[in-house]
Structures are given as structure tokens and as C-alpha cells.
Amino acid sequence: FWATWCGPCREEIPLLKTLRAQHAQDRLEVIGIAIDA
């Protein structure tokens, strides 16, 4: 759960992208739910 105006949310997005790529063999999926316009 994130929003564009939330600083820590923006900070962790690169990590989420990396985790999804690193754990592709586990079929890990990341779903971002944006509480924003």
C-alpha cells in the first residue's frame, strides 16, 4: 500500500522491483495498491 506523496513509499519502490526480479523463480508477484489520484 503506497501513495505518490508518501516519501517512504517512494523510497521502497526500487526494492520492490528488485525483489520481484530476484524471486522470479519463486513466482513472487508484487501488487501495488495506490491510495492516490
ModelCIF file with pLDDT and N, C-alpha, C, O atoms, coordinates in Angstrom:
data_MODEL
#
_entry.id   MODEL 
#
_entity.id                         1 
_entity.type                       polymer 
_entity.pdbx_number_of_molecules   1 
#
_entity_poly.entity_id                      1 
_entity_poly.type                           'polypeptide(L)' 
_entity_poly.nstd_linkage                   no 
_entity_poly.nstd_monomer                   no 
_entity_poly.pdbx_seq_one_letter_code       FWATWCGPCREEIPLLKTLRAQHAQDRLEVIGIAIDA 
_entity_poly.pdbx_seq_one_letter_code_can   FWATWCGPCREEIPLLKTLRAQHAQDRLEVIGIAIDA 
_entity_poly.pdbx_strand_id                 A 
#
loop_
_entity_poly_seq.entity_id 
_entity_poly_seq.num 
_entity_poly_seq.mon_id 
_entity_poly_seq.hetero 
1 1  PHE n 
1 2  TRP n 
1 3  ALA n 
1 4  THR n 
1 5  TRP n 
1 6  CYS n 
1 7  GLY n 
1 8  PRO n 
1 9  CYS n 
1 10 ARG n 
1 11 GLU n 
1 12 GLU n 
1 13 ILE n 
1 14 PRO n 
1 15 LEU n 
1 16 LEU n 
1 17 LYS n 
1 18 THR n 
1 19 LEU n 
1 20 ARG n 
1 21 ALA n 
1 22 GLN n 
1 23 HIS n 
1 24 ALA n 
1 25 GLN n 
1 26 ASP n 
1 27 ARG n 
1 28 LEU n 
1 29 GLU n 
1 30 VAL n 
1 31 ILE n 
1 32 GLY n 
1 33 ILE n 
1 34 ALA n 
1 35 ILE n 
1 36 ASP n 
1 37 ALA n 
#
_struct_asym.id          A 
_struct_asym.entity_id   1 
#
loop_
_ma_qa_metric.id 
_ma_qa_metric.mode 
_ma_qa_metric.name 
_ma_qa_metric.software_group_id 
_ma_qa_metric.type 
1 global pLDDT . pLDDT 
2 local  pLDDT . pLDDT 
#
_ma_qa_metric_global.metric_id      1 
_ma_qa_metric_global.metric_value   96.24 
_ma_qa_metric_global.model_id       1 
_ma_qa_metric_global.ordinal_id     1 
#
loop_
_ma_qa_metric_local.label_asym_id 
_ma_qa_metric_local.label_comp_id 
_ma_qa_metric_local.label_seq_id 
_ma_qa_metric_local.metric_id 
_ma_qa_metric_local.metric_value 
_ma_qa_metric_local.model_id 
_ma_qa_metric_local.ordinal_id 
A PHE 1  2 96.00 1 1  
A TRP 2  2 96.00 1 2  
A ALA 3  2 95.00 1 3  
A THR 4  2 96.00 1 4  
A TRP 5  2 95.00 1 5  
A CYS 6  2 95.00 1 6  
A GLY 7  2 95.00 1 7  
A PRO 8  2 95.00 1 8  
A CYS 9  2 96.00 1 9  
A ARG 10 2 96.00 1 10 
A GLU 11 2 96.00 1 11 
A GLU 12 2 96.00 1 12 
A ILE 13 2 97.00 1 13 
A PRO 14 2 97.00 1 14 
A LEU 15 2 98.00 1 15 
A LEU 16 2 98.00 1 16 
A LYS 17 2 98.00 1 17 
A THR 18 2 98.00 1 18 
A LEU 19 2 98.00 1 19 
A ARG 20 2 97.00 1 20 
A ALA 21 2 97.00 1 21 
A GLN 22 2 96.00 1 22 
A HIS 23 2 97.00 1 23 
A ALA 24 2 96.00 1 24 
A GLN 25 2 95.00 1 25 
A ASP 26 2 95.00 1 26 
A ARG 27 2 96.00 1 27 
A LEU 28 2 98.00 1 28 
A GLU 29 2 98.00 1 29 
A VAL 30 2 98.00 1 30 
A ILE 31 2 98.00 1 31 
A GLY 32 2 97.00 1 32 
A ILE 33 2 96.00 1 33 
A ALA 34 2 96.00 1 34 
A ILE 35 2 94.00 1 35 
A ASP 36 2 93.00 1 36 
A ALA 37 2 93.00 1 37 
#
loop_
_atom_site.group_PDB 
_atom_site.id 
_atom_site.type_symbol 
_atom_site.label_atom_id 
_atom_site.label_alt_id 
_atom_site.label_comp_id 
_atom_site.label_asym_id 
_atom_site.label_entity_id 
_atom_site.label_seq_id 
_atom_site.pdbx_PDB_ins_code 
_atom_site.Cartn_x 
_atom_site.Cartn_y 
_atom_site.Cartn_z 
_atom_site.occupancy 
_atom_site.B_iso_or_equiv 
_atom_site.pdbx_formal_charge 
_atom_site.auth_seq_id 
_atom_site.auth_comp_id 
_atom_site.auth_asym_id 
_atom_site.auth_atom_id 
_atom_site.pdbx_PDB_model_num 
ATOM 1   N N  . PHE A 1 1  ? 0.850  -1.189  0.000   1.00 96.00 ? 1  PHE A N  1 
ATOM 2   C CA . PHE A 1 1  ? 0.000  0.000   0.000   1.00 96.00 ? 1  PHE A CA 1 
ATOM 3   C C  . PHE A 1 1  ? 0.887  1.241   0.000   1.00 96.00 ? 1  PHE A C  1 
ATOM 4   O O  . PHE A 1 1  ? 1.799  1.354   0.819   1.00 96.00 ? 1  PHE A O  1 
ATOM 5   N N  . TRP A 1 2  ? 0.620  2.175   -0.922  1.00 96.00 ? 2  TRP A N  1 
ATOM 6   C CA . TRP A 1 2  ? 1.503  3.314   -1.104  1.00 96.00 ? 2  TRP A CA 1 
ATOM 7   C C  . TRP A 1 2  ? 0.743  4.507   -1.667  1.00 96.00 ? 2  TRP A C  1 
ATOM 8   O O  . TRP A 1 2  ? -0.443 4.416   -1.984  1.00 96.00 ? 2  TRP A O  1 
ATOM 9   N N  . ALA A 1 3  ? 1.452  5.630   -1.784  1.00 95.00 ? 3  ALA A N  1 
ATOM 10  C CA . ALA A 1 3  ? 0.913  6.830   -2.426  1.00 95.00 ? 3  ALA A CA 1 
ATOM 11  C C  . ALA A 1 3  ? 2.086  7.633   -2.983  1.00 95.00 ? 3  ALA A C  1 
ATOM 12  O O  . ALA A 1 3  ? 3.203  7.528   -2.478  1.00 95.00 ? 3  ALA A O  1 
ATOM 13  N N  . THR A 1 4  ? 1.842  8.423   -4.008  1.00 96.00 ? 4  THR A N  1 
ATOM 14  C CA . THR A 1 4  ? 2.923  9.176   -4.637  1.00 96.00 ? 4  THR A CA 1 
ATOM 15  C C  . THR A 1 4  ? 3.473  10.251  -3.713  1.00 96.00 ? 4  THR A C  1 
ATOM 16  O O  . THR A 1 4  ? 4.639  10.625  -3.833  1.00 96.00 ? 4  THR A O  1 
ATOM 17  N N  . TRP A 1 5  ? 2.651  10.757  -2.786  1.00 95.00 ? 5  TRP A N  1 
ATOM 18  C CA . TRP A 1 5  ? 3.085  11.837  -1.894  1.00 95.00 ? 5  TRP A CA 1 
ATOM 19  C C  . TRP A 1 5  ? 3.773  11.319  -0.630  1.00 95.00 ? 5  TRP A C  1 
ATOM 20  O O  . TRP A 1 5  ? 4.195  12.111  0.212   1.00 95.00 ? 5  TRP A O  1 
ATOM 21  N N  . CYS A 1 6  ? 3.886  10.015  -0.494  1.00 95.00 ? 6  CYS A N  1 
ATOM 22  C CA . CYS A 1 6  ? 4.476  9.401   0.702   1.00 95.00 ? 6  CYS A CA 1 
ATOM 23  C C  . CYS A 1 6  ? 5.957  9.116   0.447   1.00 95.00 ? 6  CYS A C  1 
ATOM 24  O O  . CYS A 1 6  ? 6.299  8.275   -0.385  1.00 95.00 ? 6  CYS A O  1 
ATOM 25  N N  . GLY A 1 7  ? 6.840  9.827   1.174   1.00 95.00 ? 7  GLY A N  1 
ATOM 26  C CA . GLY A 1 7  ? 8.278  9.680   0.973   1.00 95.00 ? 7  GLY A CA 1 
ATOM 27  C C  . GLY A 1 7  ? 8.791  8.262   1.136   1.00 95.00 ? 7  GLY A C  1 
ATOM 28  O O  . GLY A 1 7  ? 9.447  7.756   0.226   1.00 95.00 ? 7  GLY A O  1 
ATOM 29  N N  . PRO A 1 8  ? 8.519  7.587   2.271   1.00 95.00 ? 8  PRO A N  1 
ATOM 30  C CA . PRO A 1 8  ? 8.993  6.209   2.441   1.00 95.00 ? 8  PRO A CA 1 
ATOM 31  C C  . PRO A 1 8  ? 8.432  5.259   1.385   1.00 95.00 ? 8  PRO A C  1 
ATOM 32  O O  . PRO A 1 8  ? 9.081  4.275   1.027   1.00 95.00 ? 8  PRO A O  1 
ATOM 33  N N  . CYS A 1 9  ? 7.230  5.549   0.886   1.00 96.00 ? 9  CYS A N  1 
ATOM 34  C CA . CYS A 1 9  ? 6.656  4.714   -0.180  1.00 96.00 ? 9  CYS A CA 1 
ATOM 35  C C  . CYS A 1 9  ? 7.534  4.792   -1.419  1.00 96.00 ? 9  CYS A C  1 
ATOM 36  O O  . CYS A 1 9  ? 7.850  3.772   -2.031  1.00 96.00 ? 9  CYS A O  1 
ATOM 37  N N  . ARG A 1 10 ? 7.925  6.009   -1.785  1.00 96.00 ? 10 ARG A N  1 
ATOM 38  C CA . ARG A 1 10 ? 8.777  6.188   -2.960  1.00 96.00 ? 10 ARG A CA 1 
ATOM 39  C C  . ARG A 1 10 ? 10.140 5.531   -2.758  1.00 96.00 ? 10 ARG A C  1 
ATOM 40  O O  . ARG A 1 10 ? 10.714 4.974   -3.694  1.00 96.00 ? 10 ARG A O  1 
ATOM 41  N N  . GLU A 1 11 ? 10.652 5.600   -1.533  1.00 96.00 ? 11 GLU A N  1 
ATOM 42  C CA . GLU A 1 11 ? 11.972 5.040   -1.233  1.00 96.00 ? 11 GLU A CA 1 
ATOM 43  C C  . GLU A 1 11 ? 12.013 3.523   -1.431  1.00 96.00 ? 11 GLU A C  1 
ATOM 44  O O  . GLU A 1 11 ? 13.032 2.979   -1.854  1.00 96.00 ? 11 GLU A O  1 
ATOM 45  N N  . GLU A 1 12 ? 10.898 2.838   -1.123  1.00 96.00 ? 12 GLU A N  1 
ATOM 46  C CA . GLU A 1 12 ? 10.933 1.376   -1.154  1.00 96.00 ? 12 GLU A CA 1 
ATOM 47  C C  . GLU A 1 12 ? 10.558 0.782   -2.510  1.00 96.00 ? 12 GLU A C  1 
ATOM 48  O O  . GLU A 1 12 ? 10.715 -0.423  -2.709  1.00 96.00 ? 12 GLU A O  1 
ATOM 49  N N  . ILE A 1 13 ? 10.071 1.585   -3.438  1.00 97.00 ? 13 ILE A N  1 
ATOM 50  C CA . ILE A 1 13 ? 9.666  1.051   -4.745  1.00 97.00 ? 13 ILE A CA 1 
ATOM 51  C C  . ILE A 1 13 ? 10.818 0.377   -5.487  1.00 97.00 ? 13 ILE A C  1 
ATOM 52  O O  . ILE A 1 13 ? 10.612 -0.705  -6.037  1.00 97.00 ? 13 ILE A O  1 
ATOM 53  N N  . PRO A 1 14 ? 12.025 0.960   -5.534  1.00 97.00 ? 14 PRO A N  1 
ATOM 54  C CA . PRO A 1 14 ? 13.140 0.243   -6.193  1.00 97.00 ? 14 PRO A CA 1 
ATOM 55  C C  . PRO A 1 14 ? 13.404 -1.121  -5.565  1.00 97.00 ? 14 PRO A C  1 
ATOM 56  O O  . PRO A 1 14 ? 13.723 -2.075  -6.275  1.00 97.00 ? 14 PRO A O  1 
ATOM 57  N N  . LEU A 1 15 ? 13.275 -1.227  -4.246  1.00 98.00 ? 15 LEU A N  1 
ATOM 58  C CA . LEU A 1 15 ? 13.465 -2.517  -3.582  1.00 98.00 ? 15 LEU A CA 1 
ATOM 59  C C  . LEU A 1 15 ? 12.400 -3.507  -4.026  1.00 98.00 ? 15 LEU A C  1 
ATOM 60  O O  . LEU A 1 15 ? 12.706 -4.674  -4.273  1.00 98.00 ? 15 LEU A O  1 
ATOM 61  N N  . LEU A 1 16 ? 11.164 -3.064  -4.130  1.00 98.00 ? 16 LEU A N  1 
ATOM 62  C CA . LEU A 1 16 ? 10.083 -3.956  -4.552  1.00 98.00 ? 16 LEU A CA 1 
ATOM 63  C C  . LEU A 1 16 ? 10.335 -4.479  -5.969  1.00 98.00 ? 16 LEU A C  1 
ATOM 64  O O  . LEU A 1 16 ? 10.104 -5.653  -6.254  1.00 98.00 ? 16 LEU A O  1 
ATOM 65  N N  . LYS A 1 17 ? 10.802 -3.612  -6.835  1.00 98.00 ? 17 LYS A N  1 
ATOM 66  C CA . LYS A 1 17 ? 11.133 -4.037  -8.203  1.00 98.00 ? 17 LYS A CA 1 
ATOM 67  C C  . LYS A 1 17 ? 12.253 -5.075  -8.190  1.00 98.00 ? 17 LYS A C  1 
ATOM 68  O O  . LYS A 1 17 ? 12.206 -6.064  -8.921  1.00 98.00 ? 17 LYS A O  1 
ATOM 69  N N  . THR A 1 18 ? 13.260 -4.837  -7.350  1.00 98.00 ? 18 THR A N  1 
ATOM 70  C CA . THR A 1 18 ? 14.381 -5.771  -7.252  1.00 98.00 ? 18 THR A CA 1 
ATOM 71  C C  . THR A 1 18 ? 13.936 -7.123  -6.695  1.00 98.00 ? 18 THR A C  1 
ATOM 72  O O  . THR A 1 18 ? 14.338 -8.170  -7.203  1.00 98.00 ? 18 THR A O  1 
ATOM 73  N N  . LEU A 1 19 ? 13.116 -7.099  -5.664  1.00 98.00 ? 19 LEU A N  1 
ATOM 74  C CA . LEU A 1 19 ? 12.628 -8.345  -5.052  1.00 98.00 ? 19 LEU A CA 1 
ATOM 75  C C  . LEU A 1 19 ? 11.853 -9.183  -6.066  1.00 98.00 ? 19 LEU A C  1 
ATOM 76  O O  . LEU A 1 19 ? 12.002 -10.403 -6.126  1.00 98.00 ? 19 LEU A O  1 
ATOM 77  N N  . ARG A 1 20 ? 11.035 -8.515  -6.850  1.00 97.00 ? 20 ARG A N  1 
ATOM 78  C CA . ARG A 1 20 ? 10.241 -9.228  -7.861  1.00 97.00 ? 20 ARG A CA 1 
ATOM 79  C C  . ARG A 1 20 ? 11.157 -9.928  -8.862  1.00 97.00 ? 20 ARG A C  1 
ATOM 80  O O  . ARG A 1 20 ? 10.894 -11.062 -9.260  1.00 97.00 ? 20 ARG A O  1 
ATOM 81  N N  . ALA A 1 21 ? 12.230 -9.253  -9.266  1.00 97.00 ? 21 ALA A N  1 
ATOM 82  C CA . ALA A 1 21 ? 13.168 -9.846  -10.221 1.00 97.00 ? 21 ALA A CA 1 
ATOM 83  C C  . ALA A 1 21 ? 13.986 -10.958 -9.579  1.00 97.00 ? 21 ALA A C  1 
ATOM 84  O O  . ALA A 1 21 ? 14.185 -12.010 -10.186 1.00 97.00 ? 21 ALA A O  1 
ATOM 85  N N  . GLN A 1 22 ? 14.461 -10.737 -8.359  1.00 96.00 ? 22 GLN A N  1 
ATOM 86  C CA . GLN A 1 22 ? 15.303 -11.723 -7.687  1.00 96.00 ? 22 GLN A CA 1 
ATOM 87  C C  . GLN A 1 22 ? 14.549 -13.007 -7.361  1.00 96.00 ? 22 GLN A C  1 
ATOM 88  O O  . GLN A 1 22 ? 15.143 -14.085 -7.333  1.00 96.00 ? 22 GLN A O  1 
ATOM 89  N N  . HIS A 1 23 ? 13.258 -12.901 -7.118  1.00 97.00 ? 23 HIS A N  1 
ATOM 90  C CA . HIS A 1 23 ? 12.464 -14.066 -6.713  1.00 97.00 ? 23 HIS A CA 1 
ATOM 91  C C  . HIS A 1 23 ? 11.531 -14.548 -7.824  1.00 97.00 ? 23 HIS A C  1 
ATOM 92  O O  . HIS A 1 23 ? 10.489 -15.150 -7.565  1.00 97.00 ? 23 HIS A O  1 
ATOM 93  N N  . ALA A 1 24 ? 11.925 -14.271 -9.055  1.00 96.00 ? 24 ALA A N  1 
ATOM 94  C CA . ALA A 1 24 ? 11.114 -14.716 -10.194 1.00 96.00 ? 24 ALA A CA 1 
ATOM 95  C C  . ALA A 1 24 ? 10.969 -16.230 -10.214 1.00 96.00 ? 24 ALA A C  1 
ATOM 96  O O  . ALA A 1 24 ? 9.932  -16.754 -10.619 1.00 96.00 ? 24 ALA A O  1 
ATOM 97  N N  . GLN A 1 25 ? 12.019 -16.937 -9.774  1.00 95.00 ? 25 GLN A N  1 
ATOM 98  C CA . GLN A 1 25 ? 11.953 -18.401 -9.775  1.00 95.00 ? 25 GLN A CA 1 
ATOM 99  C C  . GLN A 1 25 ? 10.911 -18.926 -8.783  1.00 95.00 ? 25 GLN A C  1 
ATOM 100 O O  . GLN A 1 25 ? 10.416 -20.044 -8.924  1.00 95.00 ? 25 GLN A O  1 
ATOM 101 N N  . ASP A 1 26 ? 10.590 -18.117 -7.791  1.00 95.00 ? 26 ASP A N  1 
ATOM 102 C CA . ASP A 1 26 ? 9.543  -18.491 -6.828  1.00 95.00 ? 26 ASP A CA 1 
ATOM 103 C C  . ASP A 1 26 ? 8.168  -18.015 -7.279  1.00 95.00 ? 26 ASP A C  1 
ATOM 104 O O  . ASP A 1 26 ? 7.170  -18.249 -6.599  1.00 95.00 ? 26 ASP A O  1 
ATOM 105 N N  . ARG A 1 27 ? 8.120  -17.348 -8.424  1.00 96.00 ? 27 ARG A N  1 
ATOM 106 C CA . ARG A 1 27 ? 6.880  -16.781 -8.975  1.00 96.00 ? 27 ARG A CA 1 
ATOM 107 C C  . ARG A 1 27 ? 6.308  -15.685 -8.075  1.00 96.00 ? 27 ARG A C  1 
ATOM 108 O O  . ARG A 1 27 ? 5.100  -15.453 -8.051  1.00 96.00 ? 27 ARG A O  1 
ATOM 109 N N  . LEU A 1 28 ? 7.197  -15.013 -7.334  1.00 98.00 ? 28 LEU A N  1 
ATOM 110 C CA . LEU A 1 28 ? 6.745  -13.922 -6.484  1.00 98.00 ? 28 LEU A CA 1 
ATOM 111 C C  . LEU A 1 28 ? 6.146  -12.802 -7.326  1.00 98.00 ? 28 LEU A C  1 
ATOM 112 O O  . LEU A 1 28 ? 6.714  -12.405 -8.343  1.00 98.00 ? 28 LEU A O  1 
ATOM 113 N N  . GLU A 1 29 ? 5.003  -12.300 -6.896  1.00 98.00 ? 29 GLU A N  1 
ATOM 114 C CA . GLU A 1 29 ? 4.409  -11.134 -7.543  1.00 98.00 ? 29 GLU A CA 1 
ATOM 115 C C  . GLU A 1 29 ? 4.243  -10.022 -6.522  1.00 98.00 ? 29 GLU A C  1 
ATOM 116 O O  . GLU A 1 29 ? 3.908  -10.267 -5.363  1.00 98.00 ? 29 GLU A O  1 
ATOM 117 N N  . VAL A 1 30 ? 4.478  -8.810  -6.964  1.00 98.00 ? 30 VAL A N  1 
ATOM 118 C CA . VAL A 1 30 ? 4.260  -7.616  -6.150  1.00 98.00 ? 30 VAL A CA 1 
ATOM 119 C C  . VAL A 1 30 ? 3.031  -6.910  -6.698  1.00 98.00 ? 30 VAL A C  1 
ATOM 120 O O  . VAL A 1 30 ? 2.937  -6.665  -7.900  1.00 98.00 ? 30 VAL A O  1 
ATOM 121 N N  . ILE A 1 31 ? 2.102  -6.585  -5.833  1.00 98.00 ? 31 ILE A N  1 
ATOM 122 C CA . ILE A 1 31 ? 0.900  -5.837  -6.215  1.00 98.00 ? 31 ILE A CA 1 
ATOM 123 C C  . ILE A 1 31 ? 0.923  -4.515  -5.455  1.00 98.00 ? 31 ILE A C  1 
ATOM 124 O O  . ILE A 1 31 ? 0.868  -4.502  -4.225  1.00 98.00 ? 31 ILE A O  1 
ATOM 125 N N  . GLY A 1 32 ? 1.003  -3.411  -6.182  1.00 97.00 ? 32 GLY A N  1 
ATOM 126 C CA . GLY A 1 32 ? 0.972  -2.106  -5.535  1.00 97.00 ? 32 GLY A CA 1 
ATOM 127 C C  . GLY A 1 32 ? -0.445 -1.573  -5.488  1.00 97.00 ? 32 GLY A C  1 
ATOM 128 O O  . GLY A 1 32 ? -1.088 -1.440  -6.530  1.00 97.00 ? 32 GLY A O  1 
ATOM 129 N N  . ILE A 1 33 ? -0.939 -1.269  -4.310  1.00 96.00 ? 33 ILE A N  1 
ATOM 130 C CA . ILE A 1 33 ? -2.262 -0.658  -4.175  1.00 96.00 ? 33 ILE A CA 1 
ATOM 131 C C  . ILE A 1 33 ? -2.049 0.808   -3.830  1.00 96.00 ? 33 ILE A C  1 
ATOM 132 O O  . ILE A 1 33 ? -1.641 1.141   -2.717  1.00 96.00 ? 33 ILE A O  1 
ATOM 133 N N  . ALA A 1 34 ? -2.327 1.675   -4.787  1.00 96.00 ? 34 ALA A N  1 
ATOM 134 C CA . ALA A 1 34 ? -2.086 3.101   -4.625  1.00 96.00 ? 34 ALA A CA 1 
ATOM 135 C C  . ALA A 1 34 ? -3.317 3.795   -4.061  1.00 96.00 ? 34 ALA A C  1 
ATOM 136 O O  . ALA A 1 34 ? -4.397 3.739   -4.648  1.00 96.00 ? 34 ALA A O  1 
ATOM 137 N N  . ILE A 1 35 ? -3.146 4.444   -2.929  1.00 94.00 ? 35 ILE A N  1 
ATOM 138 C CA . ILE A 1 35 ? -4.236 5.225   -2.323  1.00 94.00 ? 35 ILE A CA 1 
ATOM 139 C C  . ILE A 1 35 ? -3.970 6.667   -2.707  1.00 94.00 ? 35 ILE A C  1 
ATOM 140 O O  . ILE A 1 35 ? -3.401 7.442   -1.938  1.00 94.00 ? 35 ILE A O  1 
ATOM 141 N N  . ASP A 1 36 ? -4.395 7.011   -3.920  1.00 93.00 ? 36 ASP A N  1 
ATOM 142 C CA . ASP A 1 36 ? -3.998 8.287   -4.501  1.00 93.00 ? 36 ASP A CA 1 
ATOM 143 C C  . ASP A 1 36 ? -4.866 8.542   -5.737  1.00 93.00 ? 36 ASP A C  1 
ATOM 144 O O  . ASP A 1 36 ? -5.626 7.673   -6.166  1.00 93.00 ? 36 ASP A O  1 
ATOM 145 N N  . ALA A 1 37 ? -4.744 9.729   -6.292  1.00 93.00 ? 37 ALA A N  1 
ATOM 146 C CA . ALA A 1 37 ? -5.478 10.078  -7.510  1.00 93.00 ? 37 ALA A CA 1 
ATOM 147 C C  . ALA A 1 37 ? -4.910 9.314   -8.698  1.00 93.00 ? 37 ALA A C  1 
ATOM 148 O O  . ALA A 1 37 ? -5.392 9.468   -9.820  1.00 93.00 ? 37 ALA A O  1 
#
